[in-house]
Protein backbone atom coordinates (compact mmCIF):
# COMPACT_ATOMS: atom_id res chain seq x y z
CA MET A 1 15.26 -22.17 -48.32
CA GLY A 2 17.35 -21.39 -45.54
CA SER A 3 16.57 -17.34 -45.88
CA PHE A 4 13.44 -18.05 -45.49
CA VAL A 5 13.91 -19.61 -42.27
CA MET A 6 15.72 -17.11 -41.12
CA ASN A 7 13.75 -13.46 -42.42
CA PRO A 8 10.64 -15.39 -39.81
CA TYR A 9 13.10 -16.19 -36.93
CA SER A 10 14.91 -12.93 -36.96
CA THR A 11 11.55 -10.67 -37.53
CA GLU A 12 10.06 -12.69 -34.37
CA LYS A 13 13.00 -12.33 -32.07
CA SER A 14 13.47 -8.28 -33.23
CA LEU A 15 9.69 -8.41 -32.16
CA ILE A 16 10.30 -10.23 -28.61
CA SER A 17 13.07 -7.69 -28.43
CA LYS A 18 10.97 -4.37 -28.56
CA SER A 19 8.06 -5.81 -25.85
CA LEU A 20 11.15 -6.64 -23.89
CA SER A 21 12.40 -3.08 -23.99
CA ARG A 22 9.03 -1.68 -23.44
CA LEU A 23 8.31 -4.15 -20.50
CA THR A 24 11.90 -2.53 -19.37
CA ASN A 25 10.59 0.85 -19.81
CA PHE A 26 7.29 0.48 -18.75
CA LYS A 27 7.90 -0.96 -15.37
CA SER A 28 10.40 1.71 -15.32
CA LEU A 29 7.93 4.55 -15.73
CA PHE A 30 5.60 2.77 -12.81
CA ARG A 31 8.10 3.22 -10.81
CA TYR A 32 8.20 6.41 -10.63
CA LEU A 33 4.33 6.64 -11.02
CA ASN A 34 3.92 4.67 -8.17
CA ASP A 35 7.20 6.51 -6.44
CA GLU A 36 4.82 10.00 -6.53
CA ILE A 37 1.37 8.12 -5.27
CA THR A 38 2.78 7.97 -2.14
CA LEU A 39 4.72 10.80 -2.09
CA ARG A 40 1.31 12.32 -2.67
CA GLU A 41 -0.86 10.13 0.05
CA LYS A 42 1.79 10.89 2.54
CA ALA A 43 1.62 14.41 2.33
CA SER A 44 -2.33 13.88 2.46
CA GLN A 45 -2.23 12.11 5.35
CA ASN A 46 0.08 15.28 7.14
CA TYR A 47 -2.46 17.60 5.12
CA LEU A 48 -5.85 16.03 7.42
CA ARG A 49 -3.92 15.92 10.16
CA GLU A 50 -2.05 19.46 10.37
CA LEU A 51 -5.23 21.16 8.09
CA PRO A 52 -8.03 21.25 11.10
CA PRO A 53 -6.19 22.41 13.90
CA LEU A 54 -4.56 25.13 11.45
CA MET A 55 -8.44 26.13 10.24
CA ASN A 56 -9.95 25.70 14.29
CA SER A 57 -7.18 28.69 14.46
CA LEU A 58 -7.76 30.30 12.15
CA PHE A 59 -11.61 30.49 12.48
CA ASP A 60 -10.71 31.16 16.45
CA GLN A 61 -9.56 34.45 14.74
CA LEU A 62 -11.70 35.67 12.78
CA ASP A 63 -14.50 35.28 15.78
CA GLU A 64 -12.08 37.18 17.70
CA LEU A 65 -11.79 39.92 15.25
CA VAL A 66 -16.30 40.16 14.24
CA ASP A 67 -16.47 40.44 18.01
CA GLU A 68 -13.97 42.71 18.17
CA ALA A 69 -15.46 45.01 14.82
CA GLU A 70 -19.22 44.63 16.65
CA GLY A 71 -17.22 45.94 19.36
CA ARG A 72 -16.09 48.93 17.95
CA PHE A 73 -19.45 49.44 16.16
């Protein structure tokens, strides 16, 4: 009778151990994902700060080139 009692106990213990292992793996994976999200958020903030002035200067240069090209015709 002792082996019948121990078998479900060891099975349950094994399932709990596997679940804890999966939780630990998920926590580490989630930490990496969270770090990646944080890096992308910082990059997006940099783009939002840096892109508008760059685009404005690009459009200004294009306007100058158009005016120069129209002057040649």
